[in-house]
């Protein structure tokens, strides 16, 4: 996953990402205009996430 893409681009590339973020408690919807500006790397920094752990969890979510 190219984490420098905007969140909207990532959700287009990864259709399950929006539901995964919502399941993790993120107030996220692809319809929000901010998704055209914010990247995943921005979210990681803002939320203080462990990027590798989060991406690994998403990979597991996609296969479930």
C-alpha atoms as a PDB file:
ATOM      1  CA  UNK A   1       0.000   0.000   0.000  1.00  0.00           C
ATOM      2  CA  UNK A   2       1.358   3.399  -0.984  1.00  0.00           C
ATOM      3  CA  UNK A   3       0.778   5.305   2.249  1.00  0.00           C
ATOM      4  CA  UNK A   4       1.649   8.624   0.606  1.00  0.00           C
ATOM      5  CA  UNK A   5      -1.570   8.530  -1.440  1.00  0.00           C
ATOM      6  CA  UNK A   6      -4.596  10.423  -0.214  1.00  0.00           C
ATOM      7  CA  UNK A   7      -7.107   8.498   1.857  1.00  0.00           C
ATOM      8  CA  UNK A   8      -9.614   8.715  -1.004  1.00  0.00           C
ATOM      9  CA  UNK A   9      -7.102   7.184  -3.427  1.00  0.00           C
ATOM     10  CA  UNK A  10      -6.279   4.438  -0.947  1.00  0.00           C
ATOM     11  CA  UNK A  11      -9.943   3.577  -0.437  1.00  0.00           C
ATOM     12  CA  UNK A  12     -10.350   3.360  -4.190  1.00  0.00           C
ATOM     13  CA  UNK A  13      -7.347   1.010  -4.377  1.00  0.00           C
ATOM     14  CA  UNK A  14      -8.341  -0.913  -1.227  1.00  0.00           C
ATOM     15  CA  UNK A  15     -12.160  -1.182  -1.083  1.00  0.00           C
ATOM     16  CA  UNK A  16     -12.153  -2.724   2.416  1.00  0.00           C
ATOM     17  CA  UNK A  17     -10.115   0.092   3.954  1.00  0.00           C
ATOM     18  CA  UNK A  18     -13.099   2.328   4.681  1.00  0.00           C
ATOM     19  CA  UNK A  19     -14.953  -0.390   6.635  1.00  0.00           C
ATOM     20  CA  UNK A  20     -11.738  -1.397   8.427  1.00  0.00           C
ATOM     21  CA  UNK A  21     -11.116   2.160   9.608  1.00  0.00           C
ATOM     22  CA  UNK A  22     -14.708   2.448  10.775  1.00  0.00           C
ATOM     23  CA  UNK A  23     -14.410  -0.860  12.652  1.00  0.00           C
ATOM     24  CA  UNK A  24     -11.362   0.577  14.460  1.00  0.00           C
ATOM     25  CA  UNK A  25     -13.407   3.560  15.657  1.00  0.00           C
ATOM     26  CA  UNK A  26     -12.214   6.112  13.120  1.00  0.00           C
ATOM     27  CA  UNK A  27     -14.910   8.656  12.212  1.00  0.00           C
ATOM     28  CA  UNK A  28     -14.135   7.957   8.568  1.00  0.00           C
ATOM     29  CA  UNK A  29     -16.228   8.222   5.446  1.00  0.00           C
ATOM     30  CA  UNK A  30     -14.979   8.467   1.891  1.00  0.00           C
ATOM     31  CA  UNK A  31     -17.548  11.217   1.288  1.00  0.00           C
ATOM     32  CA  UNK A  32     -15.683  13.599   3.587  1.00  0.00           C
ATOM     33  CA  UNK A  33     -13.799  16.155   1.426  1.00  0.00           C
ATOM     34  CA  UNK A  34     -10.738  15.978   3.712  1.00  0.00           C
ATOM     35  CA  UNK A  35     -10.016  12.507   2.303  1.00  0.00           C
ATOM     36  CA  UNK A  36      -8.843  14.243  -0.869  1.00  0.00           C
ATOM     37  CA  UNK A  37      -6.063  15.979   1.092  1.00  0.00           C
ATOM     38  CA  UNK A  38      -5.002  13.698   3.953  1.00  0.00           C
ATOM     39  CA  UNK A  39      -2.648  10.776   3.380  1.00  0.00           C
ATOM     40  CA  UNK A  40      -2.379   7.602   5.418  1.00  0.00           C
ATOM     41  CA  UNK A  41       1.015   8.809   6.637  1.00  0.00           C
ATOM     42  CA  UNK A  42      -0.727  11.955   7.946  1.00  0.00           C
ATOM     43  CA  UNK A  43      -3.216   9.787   9.850  1.00  0.00           C
ATOM     44  CA  UNK A  44      -0.410   7.666  11.319  1.00  0.00           C
ATOM     45  CA  UNK A  45       1.400  10.758  12.545  1.00  0.00           C
ATOM     46  CA  UNK A  46      -1.716  12.502  13.869  1.00  0.00           C
ATOM     47  CA  UNK A  47      -3.029   9.420  15.682  1.00  0.00           C
ATOM     48  CA  UNK A  48       0.386   8.163  16.825  1.00  0.00           C
ATOM     49  CA  UNK A  49      -0.221   4.755  15.241  1.00  0.00           C
ATOM     50  CA  UNK A  50       2.267   1.940  14.822  1.00  0.00           C
ATOM     51  CA  UNK A  51       2.199   1.995  11.038  1.00  0.00           C
ATOM     52  CA  UNK A  52       3.517  -1.524  10.451  1.00  0.00           C
ATOM     53  CA  UNK A  53       1.206  -3.091  13.042  1.00  0.00           C
ATOM     54  CA  UNK A  54      -1.793  -1.234  11.660  1.00  0.00           C
ATOM     55  CA  UNK A  55      -1.033  -2.318   8.091  1.00  0.00           C
ATOM     56  CA  UNK A  56      -0.526  -5.918   9.232  1.00  0.00           C
ATOM     57  CA  UNK A  57      -3.887  -5.831  10.997  1.00  0.00           C
ATOM     58  CA  UNK A  58      -5.504  -4.492   7.836  1.00  0.00           C
ATOM     59  CA  UNK A  59      -3.959  -7.290   5.775  1.00  0.00           C
ATOM     60  CA  UNK A  60      -5.447  -9.831   8.206  1.00  0.00           C
ATOM     61  CA  UNK A  61      -8.823  -8.050   8.020  1.00  0.00           C
ATOM     62  CA  UNK A  62      -8.811  -8.274   4.211  1.00  0.00           C
ATOM     63  CA  UNK A  63      -8.333 -12.029   4.245  1.00  0.00           C
ATOM     64  CA  UNK A  64     -10.967 -12.723   6.894  1.00  0.00           C
END
